[in-house]
PDB file of N, CA and C in Angstrom:
ATOM      1  N   UNK A   1     105.049 109.980  46.935  1.00  0.00           N
ATOM      2  CA  UNK A   1     104.669 110.323  48.307  1.00  0.00           C
ATOM      3  C   UNK A   1     104.273 109.058  49.066  1.00  0.00           C
ATOM      4  N   UNK A   2     104.747 108.950  50.257  1.00  0.00           N
ATOM      5  CA  UNK A   2     104.421 107.806  51.098  1.00  0.00           C
ATOM      6  C   UNK A   2     103.113 108.087  51.825  1.00  0.00           C
ATOM      7  N   UNK A   3     102.071 107.318  51.499  1.00  0.00           N
ATOM      8  CA  UNK A   3     100.751 107.542  52.101  1.00  0.00           C
ATOM      9  C   UNK A   3     100.801 107.408  53.617  1.00  0.00           C
ATOM     10  N   UNK A   4     101.645 106.533  54.140  1.00  0.00           N
ATOM     11  CA  UNK A   4     101.689 106.306  55.577  1.00  0.00           C
ATOM     12  C   UNK A   4     102.133 107.553  56.339  1.00  0.00           C
ATOM     13  N   UNK A   5     103.026 108.341  55.743  1.00  0.00           N
ATOM     14  CA  UNK A   5     103.502 109.544  56.415  1.00  0.00           C
ATOM     15  C   UNK A   5     102.423 110.606  56.524  1.00  0.00           C
ATOM     16  N   UNK A   6     101.413 110.529  55.650  1.00  0.00           N
ATOM     17  CA  UNK A   6     100.366 111.543  55.668  1.00  0.00           C
ATOM     18  C   UNK A   6      99.213 111.171  56.601  1.00  0.00           C
ATOM     19  N   UNK A   7      99.237 109.976  57.156  1.00  0.00           N
ATOM     20  CA  UNK A   7      98.157 109.537  58.037  1.00  0.00           C
ATOM     21  C   UNK A   7      98.511 109.790  59.495  1.00  0.00           C
ATOM     22  N   UNK A   8      97.693 110.554  60.168  1.00  0.00           N
ATOM     23  CA  UNK A   8      97.874 110.823  61.591  1.00  0.00           C
ATOM     24  C   UNK A   8      96.583 110.405  62.274  1.00  0.00           C
ATOM     25  N   UNK A   9      96.450 109.124  62.504  1.00  0.00           N
ATOM     26  CA  UNK A   9      95.206 108.563  63.004  1.00  0.00           C
ATOM     27  C   UNK A   9      95.479 107.624  64.162  1.00  0.00           C
ATOM     28  N   UNK A  10      94.405 107.267  64.820  1.00  0.00           N
ATOM     29  CA  UNK A  10      94.468 106.185  65.795  1.00  0.00           C
ATOM     30  C   UNK A  10      93.844 104.971  65.135  1.00  0.00           C
ATOM     31  N   UNK A  11      94.317 103.811  65.537  1.00  0.00           N
ATOM     32  CA  UNK A  11      93.870 102.575  64.914  1.00  0.00           C
ATOM     33  C   UNK A  11      93.208 101.676  65.940  1.00  0.00           C
ATOM     34  N   UNK A  12      92.263 100.880  65.466  1.00  0.00           N
ATOM     35  CA  UNK A  12      91.461 100.012  66.313  1.00  0.00           C
ATOM     36  C   UNK A  12      92.146  98.656  66.491  1.00  0.00           C
ATOM     37  N   UNK A  13      92.885  98.515  67.573  1.00  0.00           N
ATOM     38  CA  UNK A  13      93.598  97.277  67.853  1.00  0.00           C
ATOM     39  C   UNK A  13      92.672  96.100  68.069  1.00  0.00           C
ATOM     40  N   UNK A  14      91.518  96.364  68.659  1.00  0.00           N
ATOM     41  CA  UNK A  14      90.543  95.287  68.880  1.00  0.00           C
ATOM     42  C   UNK A  14      90.057  94.718  67.548  1.00  0.00           C
ATOM     43  N   UNK A  15      89.848  95.573  66.584  1.00  0.00           N
ATOM     44  CA  UNK A  15      89.407  95.098  65.265  1.00  0.00           C
ATOM     45  C   UNK A  15      90.508  94.277  64.613  1.00  0.00           C
ATOM     46  N   UNK A  16      91.751  94.689  64.786  1.00  0.00           N
ATOM     47  CA  UNK A  16      92.867  93.904  64.251  1.00  0.00           C
ATOM     48  C   UNK A  16      92.842  92.511  64.856  1.00  0.00           C
ATOM     49  N   UNK A  17      92.642  92.441  66.168  1.00  0.00           N
ATOM     50  CA  UNK A  17      92.583  91.155  66.859  1.00  0.00           C
ATOM     51  C   UNK A  17      91.449  90.286  66.334  1.00  0.00           C
ATOM     52  N   UNK A  18      90.279  90.888  66.161  1.00  0.00           N
ATOM     53  CA  UNK A  18      89.105  90.150  65.666  1.00  0.00           C
ATOM     54  C   UNK A  18      89.356  89.618  64.257  1.00  0.00           C
ATOM     55  N   UNK A  19      89.882  90.477  63.399  1.00  0.00           N
ATOM     56  CA  UNK A  19      90.132  90.063  62.013  1.00  0.00           C
ATOM     57  C   UNK A  19      91.207  88.988  61.938  1.00  0.00           C
ATOM     58  N   UNK A  20      92.208  89.084  62.792  1.00  0.00           N
ATOM     59  CA  UNK A  20      93.262  88.062  62.831  1.00  0.00           C
ATOM     60  C   UNK A  20      92.669  86.719  63.240  1.00  0.00           C
ATOM     61  N   UNK A  21      91.854  86.749  64.299  1.00  0.00           N
ATOM     62  CA  UNK A  21      91.222  85.513  64.788  1.00  0.00           C
ATOM     63  C   UNK A  21      90.264  84.948  63.747  1.00  0.00           C
ATOM     64  N   UNK A  22      89.535  85.804  63.089  1.00  0.00           N
ATOM     65  CA  UNK A  22      88.573  85.373  62.061  1.00  0.00           C
ATOM     66  C   UNK A  22      89.274  84.600  60.950  1.00  0.00           C
ATOM     67  N   UNK A  23      90.506  84.961  60.678  1.00  0.00           N
ATOM     68  CA  UNK A  23      91.271  84.309  59.617  1.00  0.00           C
ATOM     69  C   UNK A  23      92.080  83.111  60.128  1.00  0.00           C
ATOM     70  N   UNK A  24      92.008  82.865  61.427  1.00  0.00           N
ATOM     71  CA  UNK A  24      92.718  81.727  62.000  1.00  0.00           C
ATOM     72  C   UNK A  24      94.222  81.915  62.026  1.00  0.00           C
ATOM     73  N   UNK A  25      94.659  83.172  62.136  1.00  0.00           N
ATOM     74  CA  UNK A  25      96.088  83.480  62.166  1.00  0.00           C
ATOM     75  C   UNK A  25      96.493  83.751  63.615  1.00  0.00           C
ATOM     76  N   UNK A  26      97.532  83.102  64.070  1.00  0.00           N
ATOM     77  CA  UNK A  26      98.010  83.355  65.427  1.00  0.00           C
ATOM     78  C   UNK A  26      98.745  84.696  65.465  1.00  0.00           C
ATOM     79  N   UNK A  27      98.901  85.216  66.667  1.00  0.00           N
ATOM     80  CA  UNK A  27      99.631  86.461  66.835  1.00  0.00           C
ATOM     81  C   UNK A  27     101.072  86.293  66.329  1.00  0.00           C
ATOM     82  N   UNK A  28     101.648  85.152  66.598  1.00  0.00           N
ATOM     83  CA  UNK A  28     103.021  84.877  66.152  1.00  0.00           C
ATOM     84  C   UNK A  28     103.095  84.857  64.625  1.00  0.00           C
ATOM     85  N   UNK A  29     102.127  84.205  63.978  1.00  0.00           N
ATOM     86  CA  UNK A  29     102.113  84.161  62.513  1.00  0.00           C
ATOM     87  C   UNK A  29     101.967  85.565  61.924  1.00  0.00           C
ATOM     88  N   UNK A  30     101.087  86.357  62.512  1.00  0.00           N
ATOM     89  CA  UNK A  30     100.893  87.721  62.039  1.00  0.00           C
ATOM     90  C   UNK A  30     102.184  88.521  62.188  1.00  0.00           C
ATOM     91  N   UNK A  31     102.828  88.373  63.337  1.00  0.00           N
ATOM     92  CA  UNK A  31     104.079  89.087  63.574  1.00  0.00           C
ATOM     93  C   UNK A  31     105.136  88.700  62.540  1.00  0.00           C
ATOM     94  N   UNK A  32     105.266  87.420  62.278  1.00  0.00           N
ATOM     95  CA  UNK A  32     106.261  86.959  61.312  1.00  0.00           C
ATOM     96  C   UNK A  32     105.957  87.468  59.911  1.00  0.00           C
ATOM     97  N   UNK A  33     104.700  87.348  59.498  1.00  0.00           N
ATOM     98  CA  UNK A  33     104.328  87.742  58.144  1.00  0.00           C
ATOM     99  C   UNK A  33     104.389  89.261  57.951  1.00  0.00           C
ATOM    100  N   UNK A  34     104.093  90.017  58.995  1.00  0.00           N
ATOM    101  CA  UNK A  34     104.134  91.477  58.916  1.00  0.00           C
ATOM    102  C   UNK A  34     105.531  92.018  59.230  1.00  0.00           C
ATOM    103  N   UNK A  35     106.442  91.111  59.591  1.00  0.00           N
ATOM    104  CA  UNK A  35     107.810  91.474  59.959  1.00  0.00           C
ATOM    105  C   UNK A  35     107.825  92.476  61.111  1.00  0.00           C
ATOM    106  N   UNK A  36     107.036  92.154  62.130  1.00  0.00           N
ATOM    107  CA  UNK A  36     106.958  92.951  63.352  1.00  0.00           C
ATOM    108  C   UNK A  36     107.210  92.049  64.543  1.00  0.00           C
ATOM    109  N   UNK A  37     107.604  92.618  65.655  1.00  0.00           N
ATOM    110  CA  UNK A  37     107.803  91.862  66.877  1.00  0.00           C
ATOM    111  C   UNK A  37     106.446  91.445  67.437  1.00  0.00           C
ATOM    112  N   UNK A  38     106.367  90.260  67.977  1.00  0.00           N
ATOM    113  CA  UNK A  38     105.109  89.776  68.549  1.00  0.00           C
ATOM    114  C   UNK A  38     104.626  90.686  69.685  1.00  0.00           C
ATOM    115  N   UNK A  39     105.564  91.272  70.421  1.00  0.00           N
ATOM    116  CA  UNK A  39     105.176  92.206  71.492  1.00  0.00           C
ATOM    117  C   UNK A  39     104.498  93.440  70.909  1.00  0.00           C
ATOM    118  N   UNK A  40     104.956  93.867  69.750  1.00  0.00           N
ATOM    119  CA  UNK A  40     104.330  95.009  69.078  1.00  0.00           C
ATOM    120  C   UNK A  40     102.906  94.671  68.684  1.00  0.00           C
ATOM    121  N   UNK A  41     102.710  93.501  68.115  1.00  0.00           N
ATOM    122  CA  UNK A  41     101.360  93.067  67.727  1.00  0.00           C
ATOM    123  C   UNK A  41     100.463  93.035  68.958  1.00  0.00           C
ATOM    124  N   UNK A  42     100.949  92.452  70.031  1.00  0.00           N
ATOM    125  CA  UNK A  42     100.174  92.351  71.262  1.00  0.00           C
ATOM    126  C   UNK A  42      99.777  93.729  71.783  1.00  0.00           C
ATOM    127  N   UNK A  43     100.714  94.639  71.811  1.00  0.00           N
ATOM    128  CA  UNK A  43     100.434  95.991  72.308  1.00  0.00           C
ATOM    129  C   UNK A  43      99.448  96.734  71.410  1.00  0.00           C
ATOM    130  N   UNK A  44      99.586  96.544  70.103  1.00  0.00           N
ATOM    131  CA  UNK A  44      98.651  97.185  69.170  1.00  0.00           C
ATOM    132  C   UNK A  44      97.250  96.634  69.378  1.00  0.00           C
ATOM    133  N   UNK A  45      97.126  95.313  69.471  1.00  0.00           N
ATOM    134  CA  UNK A  45      95.807  94.698  69.636  1.00  0.00           C
ATOM    135  C   UNK A  45      95.135  95.111  70.940  1.00  0.00           C
ATOM    136  N   UNK A  46      95.924  95.387  71.964  1.00  0.00           N
ATOM    137  CA  UNK A  46      95.358  95.797  73.255  1.00  0.00           C
ATOM    138  C   UNK A  46      95.292  97.318  73.400  1.00  0.00           C
ATOM    139  N   UNK A  47      95.560  98.019  72.291  1.00  0.00           N
ATOM    140  CA  UNK A  47      95.526  99.484  72.273  1.00  0.00           C
ATOM    141  C   UNK A  47      96.405 100.103  73.357  1.00  0.00           C
ATOM    142  N   UNK A  48      97.557  99.479  73.606  1.00  0.00           N
ATOM    143  CA  UNK A  48      98.489  99.985  74.609  1.00  0.00           C
ATOM    144  C   UNK A  48      99.496 100.963  74.033  1.00  0.00           C
ATOM    145  N   UNK A  49      99.563 101.031  72.717  1.00  0.00           N
ATOM    146  CA  UNK A  49     100.470 101.961  72.051  1.00  0.00           C
ATOM    147  C   UNK A  49      99.716 102.668  70.938  1.00  0.00           C
ATOM    148  N   UNK A  50     100.227 103.804  70.558  1.00  0.00           N
ATOM    149  CA  UNK A  50      99.693 104.486  69.376  1.00  0.00           C
ATOM    150  C   UNK A  50     100.474 103.918  68.194  1.00  0.00           C
ATOM    151  N   UNK A  51      99.830 103.027  67.482  1.00  0.00           N
ATOM    152  CA  UNK A  51     100.504 102.284  66.420  1.00  0.00           C
ATOM    153  C   UNK A  51     100.949 103.194  65.285  1.00  0.00           C
ATOM    154  N   UNK A  52     102.087 102.872  64.726  1.00  0.00           N
ATOM    155  CA  UNK A  52     102.585 103.590  63.561  1.00  0.00           C
ATOM    156  C   UNK A  52     101.783 103.158  62.340  1.00  0.00           C
ATOM    157  N   UNK A  53     101.529 104.085  61.438  1.00  0.00           N
ATOM    158  CA  UNK A  53     100.803 103.720  60.215  1.00  0.00           C
ATOM    159  C   UNK A  53     101.521 102.621  59.426  1.00  0.00           C
ATOM    160  N   UNK A  54     102.863 102.638  59.429  1.00  0.00           N
ATOM    161  CA  UNK A  54     103.606 101.610  58.707  1.00  0.00           C
ATOM    162  C   UNK A  54     103.306 100.226  59.270  1.00  0.00           C
ATOM    163  N   UNK A  55     103.230 100.126  60.587  1.00  0.00           N
ATOM    164  CA  UNK A  55     102.950  98.834  61.226  1.00  0.00           C
ATOM    165  C   UNK A  55     101.547  98.367  60.902  1.00  0.00           C
ATOM    166  N   UNK A  56     100.584  99.260  61.009  1.00  0.00           N
ATOM    167  CA  UNK A  56      99.200  98.889  60.719  1.00  0.00           C
ATOM    168  C   UNK A  56      99.052  98.549  59.237  1.00  0.00           C
ATOM    169  N   UNK A  57      99.775  99.238  58.399  1.00  0.00           N
ATOM    170  CA  UNK A  57      99.756  98.922  56.972  1.00  0.00           C
ATOM    171  C   UNK A  57     100.253  97.517  56.693  1.00  0.00           C
ATOM    172  N   UNK A  58     101.321  97.119  57.368  1.00  0.00           N
ATOM    173  CA  UNK A  58     101.846  95.755  57.205  1.00  0.00           C
ATOM    174  C   UNK A  58     100.837  94.720  57.702  1.00  0.00           C
ATOM    175  N   UNK A  59     100.246  95.011  58.850  1.00  0.00           N
ATOM    176  CA  UNK A  59      99.238  94.103  59.420  1.00  0.00           C
ATOM    177  C   UNK A  59      98.064  93.972  58.464  1.00  0.00           C
ATOM    178  N   UNK A  60      97.589  95.101  57.972  1.00  0.00           N
ATOM    179  CA  UNK A  60      96.450  95.099  57.051  1.00  0.00           C
ATOM    180  C   UNK A  60      96.753  94.266  55.808  1.00  0.00           C
ATOM    181  N   UNK A  61      97.950  94.401  55.287  1.00  0.00           N
ATOM    182  CA  UNK A  61      98.335  93.638  54.098  1.00  0.00           C
ATOM    183  C   UNK A  61      98.273  92.145  54.368  1.00  0.00           C
ATOM    184  N   UNK A  62      98.796  91.726  55.503  1.00  0.00           N
ATOM    185  CA  UNK A  62      98.767  90.303  55.856  1.00  0.00           C
ATOM    186  C   UNK A  62      97.330  89.812  55.984  1.00  0.00           C
ATOM    187  N   UNK A  63      96.462  90.654  56.524  1.00  0.00           N
ATOM    188  CA  UNK A  63      95.062  90.265  56.724  1.00  0.00           C
ATOM    189  C   UNK A  63      94.219  90.431  55.458  1.00  0.00           C
ATOM    190  N   UNK A  64      94.832  90.915  54.389  1.00  0.00           N
ATOM    191  CA  UNK A  64      94.106  91.113  53.137  1.00  0.00           C
ATOM    192  C   UNK A  64      93.129  92.280  53.216  1.00  0.00           C
ATOM    193  N   UNK A  65      93.484  93.266  54.015  1.00  0.00           N
ATOM    194  CA  UNK A  65      92.615  94.419  54.221  1.00  0.00           C
ATOM    195  C   UNK A  65      93.384  95.684  53.888  1.00  0.00           C
ATOM    196  N   UNK A  66      92.736  96.814  54.096  1.00  0.00           N
ATOM    197  CA  UNK A  66      93.357  98.108  53.866  1.00  0.00           C
ATOM    198  C   UNK A  66      93.528  98.806  55.211  1.00  0.00           C
ATOM    199  N   UNK A  67      94.555  99.602  55.331  1.00  0.00           N
ATOM    200  CA  UNK A  67      94.809 100.336  56.569  1.00  0.00           C
ATOM    201  C   UNK A  67      93.585 101.155  56.985  1.00  0.00           C
ATOM    202  N   UNK A  68      92.854 101.655  56.014  1.00  0.00           N
ATOM    203  CA  UNK A  68      91.658 102.466  56.276  1.00  0.00           C
ATOM    204  C   UNK A  68      90.646 101.696  57.121  1.00  0.00           C
ATOM    205  N   UNK A  69      90.616 100.379  56.977  1.00  0.00           N
ATOM    206  CA  UNK A  69      89.661  99.552  57.724  1.00  0.00           C
ATOM    207  C   UNK A  69      89.888  99.601  59.227  1.00  0.00           C
ATOM    208  N   UNK A  70      91.063 100.037  59.650  1.00  0.00           N
ATOM    209  CA  UNK A  70      91.399 100.036  61.073  1.00  0.00           C
ATOM    210  C   UNK A  70      91.449 101.425  61.705  1.00  0.00           C
ATOM    211  N   UNK A  71      91.149 102.444  60.923  1.00  0.00           N
ATOM    212  CA  UNK A  71      91.172 103.807  61.464  1.00  0.00           C
ATOM    213  C   UNK A  71      89.971 104.023  62.370  1.00  0.00           C
ATOM    214  N   UNK A  72      90.241 104.605  63.534  1.00  0.00           N
ATOM    215  CA  UNK A  72      89.173 105.014  64.445  1.00  0.00           C
ATOM    216  C   UNK A  72      88.823 106.446  64.073  1.00  0.00           C
ATOM    217  N   UNK A  73      87.581 106.649  63.770  1.00  0.00           N
ATOM    218  CA  UNK A  73      87.135 107.992  63.422  1.00  0.00           C
ATOM    219  C   UNK A  73      86.917 108.769  64.717  1.00  0.00           C
ATOM    220  N   UNK A  74      87.742 109.770  64.927  1.00  0.00           N
ATOM    221  CA  UNK A  74      87.668 110.543  66.165  1.00  0.00           C
ATOM    222  C   UNK A  74      87.159 111.948  65.886  1.00  0.00           C
ATOM    223  N   UNK A  75      86.453 112.491  66.834  1.00  0.00           N
ATOM    224  CA  UNK A  75      86.054 113.887  66.781  1.00  0.00           C
ATOM    225  C   UNK A  75      87.095 114.657  67.562  1.00  0.00           C
ATOM    226  N   UNK A  76      87.703 115.690  66.955  1.00  0.00           N
ATOM    227  CA  UNK A  76      88.726 116.451  67.685  1.00  0.00           C
ATOM    228  C   UNK A  76      88.156 117.038  68.970  1.00  0.00           C
ATOM    229  N   UNK A  77      88.974 117.048  70.014  1.00  0.00           N
ATOM    230  CA  UNK A  77      88.557 117.647  71.290  1.00  0.00           C
ATOM    231  C   UNK A  77      88.418 119.143  71.115  1.00  0.00           C
ATOM    232  N   UNK A  78      87.342 119.670  71.632  1.00  0.00           N
ATOM    233  CA  UNK A  78      87.109 121.101  71.591  1.00  0.00           C
ATOM    234  C   UNK A  78      87.582 121.690  72.916  1.00  0.00           C
ATOM    235  N   UNK A  79      88.348 122.753  72.852  1.00  0.00           N
ATOM    236  CA  UNK A  79      88.883 123.348  74.068  1.00  0.00           C
ATOM    237  C   UNK A  79      87.790 123.812  75.009  1.00  0.00           C
ATOM    238  N   UNK A  80      86.598 124.065  74.475  1.00  0.00           N
ATOM    239  CA  UNK A  80      85.502 124.525  75.331  1.00  0.00           C
ATOM    240  C   UNK A  80      84.963 123.412  76.230  1.00  0.00           C
ATOM    241  N   UNK A  81      85.370 122.158  75.932  1.00  0.00           N
ATOM    242  CA  UNK A  81      84.923 121.037  76.764  1.00  0.00           C
ATOM    243  C   UNK A  81      85.690 120.937  78.070  1.00  0.00           C
ATOM    244  N   UNK A  82      86.723 121.729  78.236  1.00  0.00           N
ATOM    245  CA  UNK A  82      87.545 121.675  79.453  1.00  0.00           C
ATOM    246  C   UNK A  82      86.931 122.582  80.534  1.00  0.00           C
ATOM    247  N   UNK A  83      85.917 122.130  81.187  1.00  0.00           N
ATOM    248  CA  UNK A  83      85.214 122.935  82.190  1.00  0.00           C
ATOM    249  C   UNK A  83      85.897 122.801  83.535  1.00  0.00           C
TER     250      UNK A  83
END
């Protein structure tokens, strides 16, 4: 079973950016090592796209982290909140 297919989460692009900078890795280096387009990395870091788990998994691997480290814990919207 592919773990990435079972994950339906949002990911923290800002944390990816911070961790990348902390390691002294440029966006271009991260893109090359994760085999992703630099535009994809940029959009993920700025939370402009809902990142695919496969992409975040590749990024996490390059950063020496786990995909779980980038999951945003969300509370599901309750329909009663729509006043």
